[in-house]
Amino acid sequence: MFGLGTQEILIIALVVLLLFGGKKIPELMKGLGKGVKSFKEGMKEIEDPAEEKKTGDESKKE
């Protein structure tokens, strides 16, 4: 995973815990999850019109 070993990941997790505290981390992860979901939906919306054009062009040829 990005060339990081177990020790590096543990150090990063410890620094995050120290910076934000234990109570803020669930809120941060919830926000991160919403951001990823929104990004995926946006990417899907971009792909859908391109697929509609392809299927629309094929139906006109028939």
PDB file of N, CA and C in Angstrom:
ATOM      1  N   MET A   1       0.852  -1.184   0.000  1.00  0.00           N
ATOM      2  CA  MET A   1       0.000   0.000   0.000  1.00  0.00           C
ATOM      3  C   MET A   1       0.892   1.240   0.000  1.00  0.00           C
ATOM      4  N   PHE A   2       1.132   1.845  -1.132  1.00  0.00           N
ATOM      5  CA  PHE A   2       1.929   3.054  -1.297  1.00  0.00           C
ATOM      6  C   PHE A   2       3.347   2.887  -0.760  1.00  0.00           C
ATOM      7  N   GLY A   3       3.833   1.678  -0.672  1.00  0.00           N
ATOM      8  CA  GLY A   3       5.175   1.435  -0.187  1.00  0.00           C
ATOM      9  C   GLY A   3       5.330   1.656   1.306  1.00  0.00           C
ATOM     10  N   LEU A   4       4.224   1.671   2.052  1.00  0.00           N
ATOM     11  CA  LEU A   4       4.288   1.872   3.495  1.00  0.00           C
ATOM     12  C   LEU A   4       4.246   0.530   4.205  1.00  0.00           C
ATOM     13  N   GLY A   5       5.087   0.391   5.204  1.00  0.00           N
ATOM     14  CA  GLY A   5       5.083  -0.815   6.006  1.00  0.00           C
ATOM     15  C   GLY A   5       4.165  -0.668   7.207  1.00  0.00           C
ATOM     16  N   THR A   6       4.103  -1.704   8.009  1.00  0.00           N
ATOM     17  CA  THR A   6       3.233  -1.706   9.185  1.00  0.00           C
ATOM     18  C   THR A   6       3.649  -0.627  10.184  1.00  0.00           C
ATOM     19  N   GLN A   7       4.940  -0.462  10.382  1.00  0.00           N
ATOM     20  CA  GLN A   7       5.411   0.532  11.348  1.00  0.00           C
ATOM     21  C   GLN A   7       5.045   1.948  10.913  1.00  0.00           C
ATOM     22  N   GLU A   8       5.193   2.245   9.647  1.00  0.00           N
ATOM     23  CA  GLU A   8       4.859   3.583   9.162  1.00  0.00           C
ATOM     24  C   GLU A   8       3.372   3.871   9.321  1.00  0.00           C
ATOM     25  N   ILE A   9       2.542   2.881   9.026  1.00  0.00           N
ATOM     26  CA  ILE A   9       1.092   3.064   9.163  1.00  0.00           C
ATOM     27  C   ILE A   9       0.722   3.290  10.624  1.00  0.00           C
ATOM     28  N   LEU A  10       1.337   2.553  11.535  1.00  0.00           N
ATOM     29  CA  LEU A  10       1.069   2.741  12.968  1.00  0.00           C
ATOM     30  C   LEU A  10       1.499   4.126  13.438  1.00  0.00           C
ATOM     31  N   ILE A  11       2.635   4.611  12.958  1.00  0.00           N
ATOM     32  CA  ILE A  11       3.097   5.949  13.341  1.00  0.00           C
ATOM     33  C   ILE A  11       2.130   7.007  12.817  1.00  0.00           C
ATOM     34  N   ILE A  12       1.684   6.872  11.587  1.00  0.00           N
ATOM     35  CA  ILE A  12       0.727   7.825  11.011  1.00  0.00           C
ATOM     36  C   ILE A  12      -0.570   7.802  11.807  1.00  0.00           C
ATOM     37  N   ALA A  13      -1.063   6.608  12.153  1.00  0.00           N
ATOM     38  CA  ALA A  13      -2.291   6.489  12.938  1.00  0.00           C
ATOM     39  C   ALA A  13      -2.131   7.146  14.309  1.00  0.00           C
ATOM     40  N   LEU A  14      -0.975   6.982  14.930  1.00  0.00           N
ATOM     41  CA  LEU A  14      -0.714   7.588  16.230  1.00  0.00           C
ATOM     42  C   LEU A  14      -0.697   9.110  16.128  1.00  0.00           C
ATOM     43  N   VAL A  15      -0.074   9.641  15.094  1.00  0.00           N
ATOM     44  CA  VAL A  15      -0.035  11.098  14.904  1.00  0.00           C
ATOM     45  C   VAL A  15      -1.444  11.647  14.679  1.00  0.00           C
ATOM     46  N   VAL A  16      -2.237  10.963  13.875  1.00  0.00           N
ATOM     47  CA  VAL A  16      -3.620  11.396  13.638  1.00  0.00           C
ATOM     48  C   VAL A  16      -4.401  11.379  14.944  1.00  0.00           C
ATOM     49  N   LEU A  17      -4.221  10.329  15.729  1.00  0.00           N
ATOM     50  CA  LEU A  17      -4.905  10.224  17.023  1.00  0.00           C
ATOM     51  C   LEU A  17      -4.502  11.368  17.945  1.00  0.00           C
ATOM     52  N   LEU A  18      -3.229  11.708  17.962  1.00  0.00           N
ATOM     53  CA  LEU A  18      -2.765  12.803  18.812  1.00  0.00           C
ATOM     54  C   LEU A  18      -3.281  14.157  18.332  1.00  0.00           C
ATOM     55  N   LEU A  19      -3.333  14.354  17.029  1.00  0.00           N
ATOM     56  CA  LEU A  19      -3.776  15.644  16.483  1.00  0.00           C
ATOM     57  C   LEU A  19      -5.275  15.878  16.668  1.00  0.00           C
ATOM     58  N   PHE A  20      -6.074  14.864  16.395  1.00  0.00           N
ATOM     59  CA  PHE A  20      -7.516  15.060  16.372  1.00  0.00           C
ATOM     60  C   PHE A  20      -8.228  14.527  17.602  1.00  0.00           C
ATOM     61  N   GLY A  21      -7.618  13.649  18.342  1.00  0.00           N
ATOM     62  CA  GLY A  21      -8.263  13.087  19.519  1.00  0.00           C
ATOM     63  C   GLY A  21      -9.188  11.938  19.138  1.00  0.00           C
ATOM     64  N   GLY A  22      -9.494  11.102  20.113  1.00  0.00           N
ATOM     65  CA  GLY A  22     -10.292   9.914  19.862  1.00  0.00           C
ATOM     66  C   GLY A  22     -11.733  10.207  19.494  1.00  0.00           C
ATOM     67  N   LYS A  23     -12.278  11.327  19.971  1.00  0.00           N
ATOM     68  CA  LYS A  23     -13.691  11.631  19.715  1.00  0.00           C
ATOM     69  C   LYS A  23     -13.923  12.192  18.315  1.00  0.00           C
ATOM     70  N   LYS A  24     -12.925  12.819  17.740  1.00  0.00           N
ATOM     71  CA  LYS A  24     -13.079  13.437  16.413  1.00  0.00           C
ATOM     72  C   LYS A  24     -12.878  12.442  15.271  1.00  0.00           C
ATOM     73  N   ILE A  25     -12.152  11.364  15.502  1.00  0.00           N
ATOM     74  CA  ILE A  25     -11.822  10.429  14.425  1.00  0.00           C
ATOM     75  C   ILE A  25     -13.066   9.822  13.771  1.00  0.00           C
ATOM     76  N   PRO A  26     -14.086   9.369  14.536  1.00  0.00           N
ATOM     77  CA  PRO A  26     -15.282   8.844  13.857  1.00  0.00           C
ATOM     78  C   PRO A  26     -15.973   9.880  12.961  1.00  0.00           C
ATOM     79  N   GLU A  27     -15.974  11.143  13.406  1.00  0.00           N
ATOM     80  CA  GLU A  27     -16.557  12.203  12.583  1.00  0.00           C
ATOM     81  C   GLU A  27     -15.752  12.406  11.305  1.00  0.00           C
ATOM     82  N   LEU A  28     -14.425  12.360  11.424  1.00  0.00           N
ATOM     83  CA  LEU A  28     -13.565  12.512  10.248  1.00  0.00           C
ATOM     84  C   LEU A  28     -13.777  11.364   9.261  1.00  0.00           C
ATOM     85  N   MET A  29     -13.876  10.152   9.770  1.00  0.00           N
ATOM     86  CA  MET A  29     -14.074   8.988   8.893  1.00  0.00           C
ATOM     87  C   MET A  29     -15.445   9.036   8.224  1.00  0.00           C
ATOM     88  N   LYS A  30     -16.456   9.517   8.951  1.00  0.00           N
ATOM     89  CA  LYS A  30     -17.794   9.656   8.373  1.00  0.00           C
ATOM     90  C   LYS A  30     -17.759  10.668   7.224  1.00  0.00           C
ATOM     91  N   GLY A  31     -17.089  11.777   7.446  1.00  0.00           N
ATOM     92  CA  GLY A  31     -16.962  12.789   6.396  1.00  0.00           C
ATOM     93  C   GLY A  31     -16.181  12.262   5.206  1.00  0.00           C
ATOM     94  N   LEU A  32     -15.128  11.505   5.485  1.00  0.00           N
ATOM     95  CA  LEU A  32     -14.335  10.910   4.407  1.00  0.00           C
ATOM     96  C   LEU A  32     -15.187   9.924   3.603  1.00  0.00           C
ATOM     97  N   GLY A  33     -15.986   9.133   4.286  1.00  0.00           N
ATOM     98  CA  GLY A  33     -16.863   8.172   3.606  1.00  0.00           C
ATOM     99  C   GLY A  33     -17.877   8.869   2.719  1.00  0.00           C
ATOM    100  N   LYS A  34     -18.454   9.954   3.216  1.00  0.00           N
ATOM    101  CA  LYS A  34     -19.415  10.716   2.407  1.00  0.00           C
ATOM    102  C   LYS A  34     -18.731  11.319   1.179  1.00  0.00           C
ATOM    103  N   GLY A  35     -17.509  11.790   1.365  1.00  0.00           N
ATOM    104  CA  GLY A  35     -16.765  12.363   0.242  1.00  0.00           C
ATOM    105  C   GLY A  35     -16.468  11.334  -0.830  1.00  0.00           C
ATOM    106  N   VAL A  36     -16.067  10.136  -0.417  1.00  0.00           N
ATOM    107  CA  VAL A  36     -15.770   9.063  -1.370  1.00  0.00           C
ATOM    108  C   VAL A  36     -17.047   8.646  -2.094  1.00  0.00           C
ATOM    109  N   LYS A  37     -18.154   8.551  -1.362  1.00  0.00           N
ATOM    110  CA  LYS A  37     -19.434   8.175  -1.980  1.00  0.00           C
ATOM    111  C   LYS A  37     -19.856   9.216  -3.016  1.00  0.00           C
ATOM    112  N   SER A  38     -19.718  10.482  -2.662  1.00  0.00           N
ATOM    113  CA  SER A  38     -20.059  11.556  -3.588  1.00  0.00           C
ATOM    114  C   SER A  38     -19.178  11.515  -4.833  1.00  0.00           C
ATOM    115  N   PHE A  39     -17.894  11.253  -4.647  1.00  0.00           N
ATOM    116  CA  PHE A  39     -16.960  11.163  -5.769  1.00  0.00           C
ATOM    117  C   PHE A  39     -17.351  10.022  -6.704  1.00  0.00           C
ATOM    118  N   LYS A  40     -17.688   8.861  -6.129  1.00  0.00           N
ATOM    119  CA  LYS A  40     -18.084   7.713  -6.944  1.00  0.00           C
ATOM    120  C   LYS A  40     -19.359   8.006  -7.722  1.00  0.00           C
ATOM    121  N   GLU A  41     -20.334   8.658  -7.074  1.00  0.00           N
ATOM    122  CA  GLU A  41     -21.572   9.018  -7.769  1.00  0.00           C
ATOM    123  C   GLU A  41     -21.299   9.990  -8.906  1.00  0.00           C
ATOM    124  N   GLY A  42     -20.405  10.940  -8.680  1.00  0.00           N
ATOM    125  CA  GLY A  42     -20.047  11.897  -9.719  1.00  0.00           C
ATOM    126  C   GLY A  42     -19.376  11.221 -10.903  1.00  0.00           C
ATOM    127  N   MET A  43     -18.502  10.274 -10.617  1.00  0.00           N
ATOM    128  CA  MET A  43     -17.844   9.539 -11.697  1.00  0.00           C
ATOM    129  C   MET A  43     -18.845   8.706 -12.474  1.00  0.00           C
ATOM    130  N   LYS A  44     -19.817   8.140 -11.774  1.00  0.00           N
ATOM    131  CA  LYS A  44     -20.837   7.326 -12.440  1.00  0.00           C
ATOM    132  C   LYS A  44     -21.701   8.200 -13.358  1.00  0.00           C
ATOM    133  N   GLU A  45     -22.017   9.421 -12.907  1.00  0.00           N
ATOM    134  CA  GLU A  45     -22.805  10.336 -13.724  1.00  0.00           C
ATOM    135  C   GLU A  45     -22.055  10.722 -14.991  1.00  0.00           C
ATOM    136  N   ILE A  46     -20.744  10.845 -14.884  1.00  0.00           N
ATOM    137  CA  ILE A  46     -19.938  11.196 -16.053  1.00  0.00           C
ATOM    138  C   ILE A  46     -19.929  10.038 -17.047  1.00  0.00           C
ATOM    139  N   GLU A  47     -19.842   8.805 -16.530  1.00  0.00           N
ATOM    140  CA  GLU A  47     -19.792   7.635 -17.405  1.00  0.00           C
ATOM    141  C   GLU A  47     -21.146   7.349 -18.055  1.00  0.00           C
ATOM    142  N   ASP A  48     -22.246   7.584 -17.357  1.00  0.00           N
ATOM    143  CA  ASP A  48     -23.576   7.265 -17.877  1.00  0.00           C
ATOM    144  C   ASP A  48     -23.919   8.012 -19.170  1.00  0.00           C
ATOM    145  N   PRO A  49     -23.724   9.325 -19.261  1.00  0.00           N
ATOM    146  CA  PRO A  49     -24.044  10.000 -20.527  1.00  0.00           C
ATOM    147  C   PRO A  49     -23.208   9.475 -21.693  1.00  0.00           C
ATOM    148  N   ALA A  50     -21.970   9.102 -21.431  1.00  0.00           N
ATOM    149  CA  ALA A  50     -21.130   8.561 -22.500  1.00  0.00           C
ATOM    150  C   ALA A  50     -21.697   7.232 -22.981  1.00  0.00           C
ATOM    151  N   GLU A  51     -22.198   6.417 -22.073  1.00  0.00           N
ATOM    152  CA  GLU A  51     -22.800   5.143 -22.463  1.00  0.00           C
ATOM    153  C   GLU A  51     -24.105   5.369 -23.216  1.00  0.00           C
ATOM    154  N   GLU A  52     -24.874   6.386 -22.817  1.00  0.00           N
ATOM    155  CA  GLU A  52     -26.132   6.684 -23.514  1.00  0.00           C
ATOM    156  C   GLU A  52     -25.856   7.104 -24.950  1.00  0.00           C
ATOM    157  N   LYS A  53     -24.793   7.877 -25.166  1.00  0.00           N
ATOM    158  CA  LYS A  53     -24.449   8.285 -26.522  1.00  0.00           C
ATOM    159  C   LYS A  53     -24.100   7.082 -27.374  1.00  0.00           C
ATOM    160  N   LYS A  54     -23.335   6.163 -26.802  1.00  0.00           N
ATOM    161  CA  LYS A  54     -22.947   4.969 -27.548  1.00  0.00           C
ATOM    162  C   LYS A  54     -24.170   4.141 -27.907  1.00  0.00           C
ATOM    163  N   THR A  55     -25.068   3.919 -26.944  1.00  0.00           N
ATOM    164  CA  THR A  55     -26.253   3.100 -27.222  1.00  0.00           C
ATOM    165  C   THR A  55     -27.204   3.850 -28.146  1.00  0.00           C
ATOM    166  N   GLY A  56     -27.252   5.175 -28.008  1.00  0.00           N
ATOM    167  CA  GLY A  56     -28.111   5.958 -28.899  1.00  0.00           C
ATOM    168  C   GLY A  56     -27.622   5.931 -30.328  1.00  0.00           C
ATOM    169  N   ASP A  57     -26.321   5.985 -30.539  1.00  0.00           N
ATOM    170  CA  ASP A  57     -25.756   5.935 -31.880  1.00  0.00           C
ATOM    171  C   ASP A  57     -26.003   4.570 -32.525  1.00  0.00           C
ATOM    172  N   GLU A  58     -25.913   3.513 -31.749  1.00  0.00           N
ATOM    173  CA  GLU A  58     -26.119   2.172 -32.279  1.00  0.00           C
ATOM    174  C   GLU A  58     -27.580   1.969 -32.689  1.00  0.00           C
ATOM    175  N   SER A  59     -28.508   2.543 -31.934  1.00  0.00           N
ATOM    176  CA  SER A  59     -29.919   2.345 -32.262  1.00  0.00           C
ATOM    177  C   SER A  59     -30.292   3.122 -33.533  1.00  0.00           C
ATOM    178  N   LYS A  60     -29.612   4.222 -33.823  1.00  0.00           N
ATOM    179  CA  LYS A  60     -29.897   4.993 -35.025  1.00  0.00           C
ATOM    180  C   LYS A  60     -29.428   4.251 -36.279  1.00  0.00           C
ATOM    181  N   LYS A  61     -28.375   3.450 -36.150  1.00  0.00           N
ATOM    182  CA  LYS A  61     -27.839   2.734 -37.296  1.00  0.00           C
ATOM    183  C   LYS A  61     -28.772   1.607 -37.746  1.00  0.00           C
ATOM    184  N   GLU A  62     -29.539   1.067 -36.803  1.00  0.00           N
ATOM    185  CA  GLU A  62     -30.397  -0.074 -37.129  1.00  0.00           C
ATOM    186  C   GLU A  62     -31.637   0.316 -37.840  1.00  0.00           C
TER     187      GLU A  62
END
